[in-house]
Amino acid sequence: MTYLNYKGYLGTIEPQLEDGTLYGKLAFIRDLVTYEASTLNDLKREFEFSVDAYLQDCKELGHQPNAPLKGSFNVRTTPEIHRQAVLAAGDKSLNAFVTEAIAEKVARVLA
């Protein structure tokens, strides 16, 4: 999936087939922030406007804006892979080992 990106926020791009418009929402946050437009350039502008408006509204309300992708998530795996990962990590923490493994895989995929 392709995302819009602005000030650290990611936004979705979805077609609305019924009326031929585009819409989206800020991804990976709990608050609901949406935007829509009829062209991709307009959608990008509306997305950026929505991010700015969201941040301004949070400031005015004294509310901490949701941070997308905070760097923490749960991973579910089999007990055997969990055991092998702990052994393979050696002196590293499991978090450090998994972070390094993810970084290596991401570099290969995005290369």
N, C-alpha and C. Protein backbone atom coordinates (compact mmCIF):
# COMPACT_ATOMS: atom_id res chain seq x y z
N MET A 1 0.84 -1.18 0.00
CA MET A 1 0.00 0.00 0.00
C MET A 1 0.88 1.24 0.00
N THR A 2 0.46 2.24 -0.72
CA THR A 2 1.15 3.52 -0.76
C THR A 2 0.48 4.48 0.22
N TYR A 3 1.28 5.22 0.97
CA TYR A 3 0.76 6.16 1.95
C TYR A 3 1.23 7.57 1.62
N LEU A 4 0.41 8.54 1.98
CA LEU A 4 0.85 9.93 2.00
C LEU A 4 1.65 10.11 3.27
N ASN A 5 2.62 11.02 3.28
CA ASN A 5 3.50 11.20 4.43
C ASN A 5 3.71 12.69 4.67
N TYR A 6 3.44 13.13 5.91
CA TYR A 6 3.58 14.54 6.25
C TYR A 6 3.73 14.66 7.76
N LYS A 7 4.79 15.33 8.18
CA LYS A 7 5.06 15.58 9.61
C LYS A 7 5.03 14.29 10.43
N GLY A 8 5.49 13.21 9.84
CA GLY A 8 5.54 11.94 10.55
C GLY A 8 4.24 11.16 10.55
N TYR A 9 3.20 11.71 9.96
CA TYR A 9 1.91 11.02 9.88
C TYR A 9 1.76 10.39 8.51
N LEU A 10 1.15 9.21 8.49
CA LEU A 10 0.88 8.50 7.25
C LEU A 10 -0.61 8.53 6.99
N GLY A 11 -0.98 8.69 5.73
CA GLY A 11 -2.39 8.74 5.36
C GLY A 11 -2.71 7.77 4.25
N THR A 12 -3.88 7.19 4.32
CA THR A 12 -4.30 6.23 3.30
C THR A 12 -4.84 6.95 2.07
N ILE A 13 -4.90 6.24 0.98
CA ILE A 13 -5.47 6.72 -0.28
C ILE A 13 -6.45 5.64 -0.75
N GLU A 14 -7.73 5.98 -0.75
CA GLU A 14 -8.76 5.00 -1.12
C GLU A 14 -9.70 5.61 -2.16
N PRO A 15 -10.03 4.85 -3.21
CA PRO A 15 -11.02 5.35 -4.17
C PRO A 15 -12.43 5.08 -3.65
N GLN A 16 -13.32 5.98 -3.90
CA GLN A 16 -14.74 5.78 -3.60
C GLN A 16 -15.43 5.60 -4.95
N LEU A 17 -15.67 4.36 -5.33
CA LEU A 17 -16.14 4.02 -6.66
C LEU A 17 -17.52 4.59 -6.98
N GLU A 18 -18.36 4.74 -5.97
CA GLU A 18 -19.72 5.21 -6.21
C GLU A 18 -19.76 6.60 -6.83
N ASP A 19 -18.88 7.50 -6.37
CA ASP A 19 -18.92 8.88 -6.89
C ASP A 19 -17.60 9.34 -7.50
N GLY A 20 -16.63 8.45 -7.60
CA GLY A 20 -15.37 8.77 -8.27
C GLY A 20 -14.45 9.68 -7.48
N THR A 21 -14.64 9.79 -6.18
CA THR A 21 -13.76 10.63 -5.36
C THR A 21 -12.72 9.77 -4.67
N LEU A 22 -11.76 10.44 -4.09
CA LEU A 22 -10.72 9.80 -3.29
C LEU A 22 -10.92 10.22 -1.84
N TYR A 23 -10.62 9.31 -0.94
CA TYR A 23 -10.69 9.65 0.46
C TYR A 23 -9.58 8.93 1.20
N GLY A 24 -9.36 9.31 2.43
CA GLY A 24 -8.36 8.65 3.24
C GLY A 24 -8.51 9.04 4.69
N LYS A 25 -7.67 8.43 5.51
CA LYS A 25 -7.64 8.75 6.93
C LYS A 25 -6.21 8.61 7.42
N LEU A 26 -5.92 9.28 8.53
CA LEU A 26 -4.60 9.12 9.14
C LEU A 26 -4.50 7.68 9.62
N ALA A 27 -3.41 7.03 9.27
CA ALA A 27 -3.21 5.62 9.60
C ALA A 27 -2.40 5.48 10.88
N PHE A 28 -2.66 4.40 11.59
CA PHE A 28 -1.87 4.01 12.75
C PHE A 28 -2.00 4.94 13.95
N ILE A 29 -3.16 5.64 14.06
CA ILE A 29 -3.46 6.40 15.26
C ILE A 29 -4.87 6.03 15.70
N ARG A 30 -5.18 6.28 16.99
CA ARG A 30 -6.51 5.96 17.50
C ARG A 30 -7.55 7.02 17.12
N ASP A 31 -7.16 8.29 17.08
CA ASP A 31 -8.10 9.35 16.72
C ASP A 31 -8.48 9.19 15.25
N LEU A 32 -9.72 9.55 14.93
CA LEU A 32 -10.19 9.45 13.54
C LEU A 32 -10.05 10.80 12.86
N VAL A 33 -9.20 10.84 11.84
CA VAL A 33 -8.98 12.06 11.05
C VAL A 33 -9.10 11.64 9.59
N THR A 34 -10.07 12.23 8.88
CA THR A 34 -10.31 11.84 7.49
C THR A 34 -10.17 13.06 6.57
N TYR A 35 -10.11 12.78 5.28
CA TYR A 35 -9.99 13.82 4.25
C TYR A 35 -10.48 13.22 2.94
N GLU A 36 -10.90 14.08 2.02
CA GLU A 36 -11.33 13.59 0.70
C GLU A 36 -11.13 14.67 -0.35
N ALA A 37 -11.06 14.24 -1.60
CA ALA A 37 -10.87 15.16 -2.73
C ALA A 37 -11.18 14.41 -4.02
N SER A 38 -11.16 15.14 -5.12
CA SER A 38 -11.48 14.51 -6.40
C SER A 38 -10.24 14.17 -7.23
N THR A 39 -9.07 14.73 -6.87
CA THR A 39 -7.83 14.39 -7.57
C THR A 39 -6.76 14.02 -6.54
N LEU A 40 -5.74 13.34 -7.01
CA LEU A 40 -4.66 12.93 -6.11
C LEU A 40 -3.92 14.14 -5.55
N ASN A 41 -3.67 15.14 -6.38
CA ASN A 41 -3.00 16.35 -5.88
C ASN A 41 -3.84 17.04 -4.81
N ASP A 42 -5.15 17.12 -5.04
CA ASP A 42 -6.03 17.73 -4.05
C ASP A 42 -6.09 16.89 -2.78
N LEU A 43 -6.07 15.55 -2.92
CA LEU A 43 -6.09 14.68 -1.75
C LEU A 43 -4.85 14.90 -0.90
N LYS A 44 -3.70 15.04 -1.55
CA LYS A 44 -2.46 15.29 -0.82
C LYS A 44 -2.56 16.61 -0.05
N ARG A 45 -3.10 17.62 -0.68
CA ARG A 45 -3.26 18.92 -0.02
C ARG A 45 -4.23 18.80 1.17
N GLU A 46 -5.34 18.09 0.97
CA GLU A 46 -6.32 17.90 2.04
C GLU A 46 -5.74 17.08 3.19
N PHE A 47 -4.93 16.09 2.86
CA PHE A 47 -4.25 15.29 3.88
C PHE A 47 -3.35 16.18 4.73
N GLU A 48 -2.53 17.00 4.10
CA GLU A 48 -1.64 17.89 4.83
C GLU A 48 -2.43 18.90 5.67
N PHE A 49 -3.52 19.43 5.12
CA PHE A 49 -4.38 20.34 5.86
C PHE A 49 -4.96 19.62 7.08
N SER A 50 -5.38 18.37 6.91
CA SER A 50 -5.97 17.60 8.01
C SER A 50 -4.96 17.33 9.12
N VAL A 51 -3.72 17.03 8.74
CA VAL A 51 -2.68 16.83 9.76
C VAL A 51 -2.47 18.12 10.54
N ASP A 52 -2.32 19.23 9.83
CA ASP A 52 -2.13 20.52 10.51
C ASP A 52 -3.32 20.86 11.41
N ALA A 53 -4.54 20.64 10.92
CA ALA A 53 -5.74 20.93 11.71
C ALA A 53 -5.80 20.02 12.94
N TYR A 54 -5.46 18.75 12.77
CA TYR A 54 -5.46 17.81 13.90
C TYR A 54 -4.48 18.28 14.98
N LEU A 55 -3.27 18.62 14.56
CA LEU A 55 -2.26 19.07 15.52
C LEU A 55 -2.69 20.37 16.21
N GLN A 56 -3.29 21.28 15.45
CA GLN A 56 -3.77 22.54 16.03
C GLN A 56 -4.92 22.28 17.01
N ASP A 57 -5.86 21.42 16.63
CA ASP A 57 -6.97 21.10 17.52
C ASP A 57 -6.47 20.48 18.82
N CYS A 58 -5.51 19.57 18.71
CA CYS A 58 -4.95 18.94 19.91
C CYS A 58 -4.30 19.99 20.81
N LYS A 59 -3.58 20.91 20.21
CA LYS A 59 -2.92 21.96 20.97
C LYS A 59 -3.96 22.82 21.70
N GLU A 60 -5.00 23.23 20.98
CA GLU A 60 -6.04 24.08 21.57
C GLU A 60 -6.80 23.37 22.68
N LEU A 61 -6.97 22.05 22.56
CA LEU A 61 -7.71 21.28 23.56
C LEU A 61 -6.81 20.77 24.69
N GLY A 62 -5.50 21.00 24.56
CA GLY A 62 -4.57 20.49 25.56
C GLY A 62 -4.46 18.97 25.54
N HIS A 63 -4.70 18.40 24.38
CA HIS A 63 -4.69 16.95 24.17
C HIS A 63 -3.39 16.55 23.48
N GLN A 64 -2.75 15.51 23.96
CA GLN A 64 -1.52 15.01 23.32
C GLN A 64 -1.91 14.31 22.02
N PRO A 65 -1.41 14.75 20.87
CA PRO A 65 -1.75 14.07 19.60
C PRO A 65 -1.26 12.62 19.63
N ASN A 66 -2.03 11.74 19.03
CA ASN A 66 -1.59 10.35 18.90
C ASN A 66 -0.33 10.31 18.04
N ALA A 67 0.64 9.55 18.46
CA ALA A 67 1.87 9.37 17.69
C ALA A 67 1.74 8.08 16.87
N PRO A 68 1.89 8.17 15.56
CA PRO A 68 1.81 6.95 14.75
C PRO A 68 3.08 6.12 14.89
N LEU A 69 2.90 4.83 14.89
CA LEU A 69 4.03 3.89 14.87
C LEU A 69 5.08 4.25 15.92
N LYS A 70 4.73 4.06 17.17
CA LYS A 70 5.58 4.46 18.29
C LYS A 70 6.84 3.61 18.45
N GLY A 71 6.94 2.51 17.73
CA GLY A 71 8.13 1.68 17.84
C GLY A 71 7.95 0.49 18.75
N SER A 72 6.72 0.21 19.13
CA SER A 72 6.45 -0.91 20.02
C SER A 72 5.30 -1.72 19.46
N PHE A 73 5.48 -3.04 19.36
CA PHE A 73 4.40 -3.91 18.93
C PHE A 73 4.66 -5.31 19.44
N ASN A 74 3.61 -6.09 19.58
CA ASN A 74 3.73 -7.47 20.04
C ASN A 74 3.95 -8.38 18.85
N VAL A 75 4.79 -9.36 19.03
CA VAL A 75 5.04 -10.34 17.98
C VAL A 75 4.62 -11.71 18.51
N ARG A 76 3.79 -12.38 17.78
CA ARG A 76 3.37 -13.73 18.16
C ARG A 76 4.09 -14.72 17.24
N THR A 77 4.67 -15.72 17.84
CA THR A 77 5.39 -16.72 17.07
C THR A 77 5.21 -18.06 17.77
N THR A 78 5.83 -19.07 17.23
CA THR A 78 5.74 -20.39 17.87
C THR A 78 6.73 -20.44 19.03
N PRO A 79 6.48 -21.30 20.00
CA PRO A 79 7.45 -21.46 21.10
C PRO A 79 8.84 -21.86 20.59
N GLU A 80 8.90 -22.66 19.54
CA GLU A 80 10.20 -23.10 19.01
C GLU A 80 10.98 -21.94 18.39
N ILE A 81 10.32 -21.11 17.61
CA ILE A 81 11.01 -19.94 17.04
C ILE A 81 11.42 -18.98 18.15
N HIS A 82 10.57 -18.81 19.15
CA HIS A 82 10.91 -17.96 20.29
C HIS A 82 12.19 -18.47 20.97
N ARG A 83 12.24 -19.78 21.22
CA ARG A 83 13.42 -20.39 21.85
C ARG A 83 14.66 -20.21 20.98
N GLN A 84 14.53 -20.44 19.68
CA GLN A 84 15.67 -20.30 18.78
C GLN A 84 16.15 -18.86 18.71
N ALA A 85 15.23 -17.92 18.73
CA ALA A 85 15.61 -16.51 18.70
C ALA A 85 16.37 -16.11 19.95
N VAL A 86 15.91 -16.58 21.11
CA VAL A 86 16.61 -16.28 22.37
C VAL A 86 18.02 -16.85 22.32
N LEU A 87 18.16 -18.08 21.84
CA LEU A 87 19.49 -18.69 21.75
C LEU A 87 20.36 -17.96 20.73
N ALA A 88 19.79 -17.60 19.59
CA ALA A 88 20.56 -16.90 18.55
C ALA A 88 20.96 -15.50 18.99
N ALA A 89 20.18 -14.87 19.86
CA ALA A 89 20.49 -13.52 20.32
C ALA A 89 21.77 -13.49 21.14
N GLY A 90 22.09 -14.59 21.78
CA GLY A 90 23.33 -14.64 22.57
C GLY A 90 23.33 -13.61 23.67
N ASP A 91 24.31 -12.72 23.66
CA ASP A 91 24.43 -11.70 24.69
C ASP A 91 23.51 -10.50 24.46
N LYS A 92 22.91 -10.42 23.29
CA LYS A 92 21.99 -9.31 22.99
C LYS A 92 20.63 -9.58 23.64
N SER A 93 19.89 -8.51 23.87
CA SER A 93 18.51 -8.69 24.31
C SER A 93 17.70 -9.21 23.13
N LEU A 94 16.58 -9.85 23.42
CA LEU A 94 15.72 -10.33 22.35
C LEU A 94 15.20 -9.14 21.53
N ASN A 95 14.90 -8.02 22.18
CA ASN A 95 14.46 -6.83 21.45
C ASN A 95 15.53 -6.37 20.46
N ALA A 96 16.79 -6.31 20.90
CA ALA A 96 17.87 -5.88 20.01
C ALA A 96 18.03 -6.86 18.84
N PHE A 97 17.95 -8.15 19.14
CA PHE A 97 18.08 -9.17 18.10
C PHE A 97 16.96 -9.05 17.06
N VAL A 98 15.71 -8.93 17.53
CA VAL A 98 14.57 -8.84 16.62
C VAL A 98 14.62 -7.54 15.82
N THR A 99 15.01 -6.45 16.46
CA THR A 99 15.12 -5.17 15.75
C THR A 99 16.15 -5.27 14.64
N GLU A 100 17.27 -5.89 14.92
CA GLU A 100 18.32 -6.07 13.90
C GLU A 100 17.81 -6.96 12.76
N ALA A 101 17.11 -8.04 13.10
CA ALA A 101 16.58 -8.95 12.08
C ALA A 101 15.55 -8.23 11.20
N ILE A 102 14.68 -7.43 11.81
CA ILE A 102 13.69 -6.68 11.04
C ILE A 102 14.38 -5.67 10.13
N ALA A 103 15.38 -4.97 10.66
CA ALA A 103 16.12 -3.98 9.86
C ALA A 103 16.78 -4.63 8.65
N GLU A 104 17.36 -5.80 8.83
CA GLU A 104 17.99 -6.51 7.72
C GLU A 104 16.96 -6.90 6.67
N LYS A 105 15.81 -7.40 7.11
CA LYS A 105 14.76 -7.82 6.16
C LYS A 105 14.19 -6.59 5.43
N VAL A 106 13.94 -5.51 6.15
CA VAL A 106 13.40 -4.30 5.53
C VAL A 106 14.38 -3.77 4.48
N ALA A 107 15.67 -3.78 4.80
CA ALA A 107 16.67 -3.29 3.85
C ALA A 107 16.65 -4.12 2.57
N ARG A 108 16.47 -5.43 2.69
CA ARG A 108 16.41 -6.30 1.50
C ARG A 108 15.15 -6.03 0.69
N VAL A 109 14.03 -5.90 1.38
CA VAL A 109 12.75 -5.71 0.68
C VAL A 109 12.69 -4.36 -0.01
N LEU A 110 13.20 -3.33 0.65
CA LEU A 110 13.10 -1.97 0.10
C LEU A 110 14.26 -1.60 -0.82
N ALA A 111 15.23 -2.50 -0.97
CA ALA A 111 16.38 -2.22 -1.84
C ALA A 111 16.00 -2.22 -3.30
